[in-house]
Amino acid sequence: MARKFLRDMREVDNMLHKVLAKYRKGKDPRVTPGQGMLIGFLMKNAGKEIFQKDIEAEFDIARSTVTATLDSMERKGYITREAVERDARLKKISLTPKAVESHNRIVADLEQLESAMFRDISQEEADALFTVMDKIKENLSNIYSKGGKSDGN
């Protein structure tokens, strides 16, 4: 392969971070990218009881990190935590209307960005890109599950 894939991916990643920072500039600065992802997870699971342990498992992050994030989001008015009748130790996490509004704004911004990113790219090219990305993710997952060892294929 004449081009170096990892170098190109790093370059795309860096550019994407810069563009996302530009998109966030002037927007609601109180929602961090991590909090936005958590709000998205809660939106996707609306109607289900979600607890801190569910968030820890979904994002594979430490309990202390999730606690700090949830504390911050609660102070900012994005979530509420309420005890459940069957077990007072469990606190169900719910989004506030403020969080739903923020989520809708973020989704609209990301859809606009994605549309701009795929300008002049045909549906066939986009489909090929996603097919290749899925294969790369699968290969990386296999490498990760082997403890970082690749079989060279």
Protein backbone atom coordinates (compact mmCIF):
# COMPACT_ATOMS: atom_id res chain seq x y z
CA MET A 1 0.00 0.00 0.00
CA ALA A 2 1.65 3.23 -1.15
CA ARG A 3 -0.38 5.48 1.16
CA LYS A 4 -0.26 4.96 4.89
CA PHE A 5 -3.74 4.32 6.21
CA LEU A 6 -2.98 5.05 9.86
CA ARG A 7 -1.43 8.40 8.96
CA ASP A 8 -4.47 9.32 6.86
CA MET A 9 -6.86 8.23 9.61
CA ARG A 10 -4.95 10.33 12.17
CA GLU A 11 -5.14 13.30 9.81
CA VAL A 12 -8.90 12.86 9.32
CA ASP A 13 -9.35 12.46 13.07
CA ASN A 14 -7.42 15.67 13.78
CA MET A 15 -9.37 17.59 11.15
CA LEU A 16 -12.65 16.27 12.49
CA HIS A 17 -11.77 17.37 16.03
CA LYS A 18 -10.95 20.86 14.76
CA VAL A 19 -14.19 21.11 12.79
CA LEU A 20 -16.24 19.81 15.75
CA ALA A 21 -14.59 22.39 18.01
CA LYS A 22 -15.51 25.10 15.49
CA TYR A 23 -19.11 23.81 15.34
CA ARG A 24 -19.32 23.87 19.16
CA LYS A 25 -17.96 27.39 19.37
CA GLY A 26 -20.80 29.71 20.30
CA LYS A 27 -23.08 26.77 21.09
CA ASP A 28 -24.17 25.70 24.54
CA PRO A 29 -20.75 25.17 26.17
CA ARG A 30 -22.20 23.40 29.16
CA VAL A 31 -22.63 20.09 27.31
CA THR A 32 -19.31 18.33 26.84
CA PRO A 33 -18.93 15.75 24.07
CA GLY A 34 -19.06 12.98 26.68
CA GLN A 35 -22.23 14.39 28.20
CA GLY A 36 -23.72 14.68 24.72
CA MET A 37 -23.03 10.99 24.10
CA LEU A 38 -24.61 10.12 27.43
CA ILE A 39 -27.69 12.20 26.61
CA GLY A 40 -27.87 10.38 23.26
CA PHE A 41 -27.72 7.02 25.03
CA LEU A 42 -30.52 8.05 27.38
CA MET A 43 -32.60 9.34 24.45
CA LYS A 44 -32.10 6.07 22.58
CA ASN A 45 -33.29 4.19 25.67
CA ALA A 46 -36.21 6.47 26.52
CA GLY A 47 -38.93 4.50 28.24
CA LYS A 48 -36.44 2.12 29.87
CA GLU A 49 -35.12 2.39 33.39
CA ILE A 50 -31.45 3.34 33.12
CA PHE A 51 -29.12 3.26 36.10
CA GLN A 52 -25.51 4.27 36.61
CA LYS A 53 -24.30 0.69 36.17
CA ASP A 54 -25.92 0.63 32.71
CA ILE A 55 -23.92 3.71 31.68
CA GLU A 56 -20.69 2.24 33.09
CA ALA A 57 -21.25 -0.92 31.04
CA GLU A 58 -22.34 0.84 27.83
CA PHE A 59 -19.35 3.19 27.71
CA ASP A 60 -16.87 0.93 29.54
CA ILE A 61 -15.88 3.69 31.96
CA ALA A 62 -15.11 3.72 35.66
CA ARG A 63 -17.77 4.24 38.30
CA SER A 64 -16.05 7.37 39.61
CA THR A 65 -16.02 8.94 36.13
CA VAL A 66 -19.71 8.23 35.61
CA THR A 67 -20.53 9.59 39.08
CA ALA A 68 -18.68 12.85 38.37
CA THR A 69 -20.34 13.20 34.96
CA LEU A 70 -23.82 12.55 36.34
CA ASP A 71 -23.23 14.96 39.25
CA SER A 72 -22.24 17.68 36.78
CA MET A 73 -25.20 16.97 34.49
CA GLU A 74 -27.59 17.05 37.44
CA ARG A 75 -26.20 20.40 38.64
CA LYS A 76 -26.63 21.82 35.12
CA GLY A 77 -30.23 20.62 34.96
CA TYR A 78 -29.81 17.95 32.25
CA ILE A 79 -30.79 14.90 34.32
CA THR A 80 -32.65 13.90 37.42
CA ARG A 81 -31.94 10.88 39.59
CA GLU A 82 -34.78 9.32 41.49
CA ALA A 83 -34.94 6.35 43.83
CA VAL A 84 -36.80 3.27 42.68
CA GLU A 85 -39.41 1.72 44.97
CA ARG A 86 -38.03 -1.82 44.76
CA ASP A 87 -34.51 -0.76 45.87
CA ALA A 88 -33.78 2.65 47.42
CA ARG A 89 -30.09 2.24 46.55
CA LEU A 90 -30.88 2.36 42.83
CA LYS A 91 -31.33 5.77 41.24
CA LYS A 92 -33.13 5.88 37.90
CA ILE A 93 -31.62 8.47 35.56
CA SER A 94 -34.02 10.61 33.53
CA LEU A 95 -33.49 13.43 31.06
CA THR A 96 -34.98 16.85 31.62
CA PRO A 97 -36.67 18.85 28.84
CA LYS A 98 -33.51 20.99 28.75
CA ALA A 99 -31.46 17.89 27.86
CA VAL A 100 -33.92 16.82 25.16
CA GLU A 101 -33.74 20.29 23.59
CA SER A 102 -29.95 20.21 23.72
CA HIS A 103 -29.91 16.73 22.16
CA ASN A 104 -32.13 17.84 19.28
CA ARG A 105 -29.84 20.80 18.60
CA ILE A 106 -26.73 18.61 18.68
CA VAL A 107 -28.28 16.04 16.33
CA ALA A 108 -29.25 18.77 13.86
CA ASP A 109 -25.70 20.19 13.96
CA LEU A 110 -24.12 16.76 13.44
CA GLU A 111 -26.46 15.97 10.55
CA GLN A 112 -25.48 19.26 8.92
CA LEU A 113 -21.78 18.48 9.44
CA GLU A 114 -22.12 14.95 8.08
CA SER A 115 -23.96 16.26 5.04
CA ALA A 116 -21.12 18.73 4.39
CA MET A 117 -18.52 15.98 4.86
CA PHE A 118 -20.19 13.78 2.25
CA ARG A 119 -20.68 16.50 -0.35
CA ASP A 120 -19.54 15.28 -3.80
CA ILE A 121 -19.41 11.67 -2.56
CA SER A 122 -21.78 9.29 -4.34
CA GLN A 123 -23.99 6.84 -2.48
CA GLU A 124 -21.90 3.98 -3.91
CA GLU A 125 -18.69 5.57 -2.59
CA ALA A 126 -20.28 6.13 0.82
CA ASP A 127 -21.52 2.53 0.92
CA ALA A 128 -18.02 1.28 0.02
CA LEU A 129 -16.49 3.45 2.74
CA PHE A 130 -18.86 2.08 5.39
CA THR A 131 -18.27 -1.49 4.22
CA VAL A 132 -14.51 -1.01 4.56
CA MET A 133 -14.89 0.73 7.92
CA ASP A 134 -17.00 -2.14 9.25
CA LYS A 135 -14.32 -4.63 8.17
CA ILE A 136 -11.56 -2.55 9.76
CA LYS A 137 -13.53 -2.28 13.02
CA GLU A 138 -14.03 -6.05 13.02
CA ASN A 139 -10.32 -6.65 12.40
CA LEU A 140 -9.36 -4.21 15.16
CA SER A 141 -11.84 -5.85 17.51
CA ASN A 142 -10.25 -9.24 16.79
CA ILE A 143 -6.77 -7.83 17.41
CA TYR A 144 -7.96 -6.23 20.67
CA SER A 145 -9.55 -9.47 21.87
CA LYS A 146 -6.26 -11.27 21.24
CA GLY A 147 -4.47 -8.88 23.58
CA GLY A 148 -3.05 -6.67 20.83
CA LYS A 149 -1.47 -9.47 18.83
CA SER A 150 -2.17 -9.58 15.12
CA ASP A 151 -1.83 -12.72 13.04
CA GLY A 152 -0.55 -10.60 10.17
CA ASN A 153 -3.58 -11.22 7.93
